[in-house]
Amino acid sequence: MADIIDLSLLADSRRYLSKLLDARGLSYFLQKEGSRLFHIEPSKIELVLRTVLRSRAEDLPTPHPKAIEHCRKEIRRELIRRVASAMLQTGL
């Protein structure tokens, strides 16, 4: 079965993620406490998705749940890539 991908939802979420990263930095998305040093907070990913879904035009249909899940995974992948890049830059 083919994946359902909403390109406008994905583009909007990447744009909003980029704005949040510029405004607050990568550490905003990381859990402050816990046993893992670099643990991405799921609530911050949900914040990006909720904001993008609320900001969509009224005439657009509600995205399919699988499209939302795909978007969630893409946001997480981008954050993981940025955390790994930051770790390499600091020498961890």
Protein backbone atom coordinates (compact mmCIF):
# COMPACT_ATOMS: atom_id res chain seq x y z
CA MET A 1 0.00 0.00 0.00
CA ALA A 2 1.29 3.44 -0.87
CA ASP A 3 2.06 5.98 1.83
CA ILE A 4 -0.31 8.90 2.11
CA ILE A 5 1.67 12.12 2.11
CA ASP A 6 0.16 15.60 2.30
CA LEU A 7 2.87 17.76 0.75
CA SER A 8 1.36 21.05 1.90
CA LEU A 9 1.14 19.76 5.48
CA LEU A 10 4.74 18.57 5.31
CA ALA A 11 5.99 21.87 3.86
CA ASP A 12 4.10 23.89 6.47
CA SER A 13 5.43 21.76 9.31
CA ARG A 14 9.02 22.09 8.06
CA ARG A 15 8.56 25.86 7.77
CA TYR A 16 7.16 26.15 11.30
CA LEU A 17 9.86 23.84 12.68
CA SER A 18 12.49 26.03 11.08
CA LYS A 19 10.96 29.15 12.63
CA LEU A 20 10.90 27.53 16.07
CA LEU A 21 14.50 26.38 15.72
CA ASP A 22 15.59 29.88 14.74
CA ALA A 23 13.66 31.48 17.59
CA ARG A 24 14.29 29.02 20.43
CA GLY A 25 17.12 26.75 19.36
CA LEU A 26 17.53 23.00 19.30
CA SER A 27 17.61 22.70 23.09
CA TYR A 28 13.93 23.72 23.18
CA PHE A 29 13.05 20.34 21.66
CA LEU A 30 15.21 18.30 24.04
CA GLN A 31 14.06 16.93 27.37
CA LYS A 32 15.69 18.77 30.25
CA GLU A 33 15.61 15.89 32.76
CA GLY A 34 16.03 12.18 32.40
CA SER A 35 18.59 9.48 31.96
CA ARG A 36 19.18 10.10 28.24
CA LEU A 37 21.38 13.04 27.34
CA PHE A 38 19.66 13.93 24.06
CA HIS A 39 16.03 12.85 24.28
CA ILE A 40 13.58 14.62 21.95
CA GLU A 41 10.43 15.67 23.76
CA PRO A 42 7.34 14.25 21.98
CA SER A 43 5.17 17.12 23.23
CA LYS A 44 7.25 19.60 21.21
CA ILE A 45 6.70 17.59 18.04
CA GLU A 46 2.98 17.59 18.78
CA LEU A 47 3.13 21.35 19.31
CA VAL A 48 4.46 21.79 15.78
CA LEU A 49 1.76 19.53 14.33
CA ARG A 50 -1.09 21.17 16.27
CA THR A 51 0.03 24.62 15.20
CA VAL A 52 0.29 23.64 11.55
CA LEU A 53 -3.10 21.91 11.59
CA ARG A 54 -4.75 24.94 13.18
CA SER A 55 -3.18 27.34 10.72
CA ARG A 56 -4.40 25.49 7.62
CA ALA A 57 -6.93 27.19 5.40
CA GLU A 58 -10.57 26.41 6.15
CA ASP A 59 -11.24 25.23 2.58
CA LEU A 60 -8.61 22.48 2.81
CA PRO A 61 -9.84 19.05 3.91
CA THR A 62 -8.68 17.50 7.17
CA PRO A 63 -5.47 15.54 6.51
CA HIS A 64 -5.60 11.76 6.63
CA PRO A 65 -4.31 10.29 9.94
CA LYS A 66 -1.53 8.46 8.07
CA ALA A 67 -0.43 11.75 6.51
CA ILE A 68 -0.24 13.31 9.97
CA GLU A 69 1.77 10.34 11.24
CA HIS A 70 4.16 10.65 8.29
CA CYS A 71 4.59 14.34 9.05
CA ARG A 72 5.30 13.52 12.71
CA LYS A 73 8.02 11.06 11.66
CA GLU A 74 9.59 13.59 9.29
CA ILE A 75 9.75 16.24 12.02
CA ARG A 76 11.36 13.73 14.36
CA ARG A 77 13.89 12.69 11.69
CA GLU A 78 14.86 16.30 11.09
CA LEU A 79 15.37 16.88 14.81
CA ILE A 80 17.45 13.70 15.11
CA ARG A 81 19.58 14.83 12.17
CA ARG A 82 20.15 18.22 13.79
CA VAL A 83 20.99 16.67 17.18
CA ALA A 84 23.51 14.33 15.53
CA SER A 85 25.03 17.25 13.64
CA ALA A 86 25.30 19.28 16.85
CA MET A 87 26.94 16.34 18.61
CA LEU A 88 29.52 16.03 15.84
CA GLN A 89 30.28 19.73 15.97
CA THR A 90 30.90 19.62 19.71
CA GLY A 91 32.94 16.42 19.50
CA LEU A 92 30.65 14.10 21.48
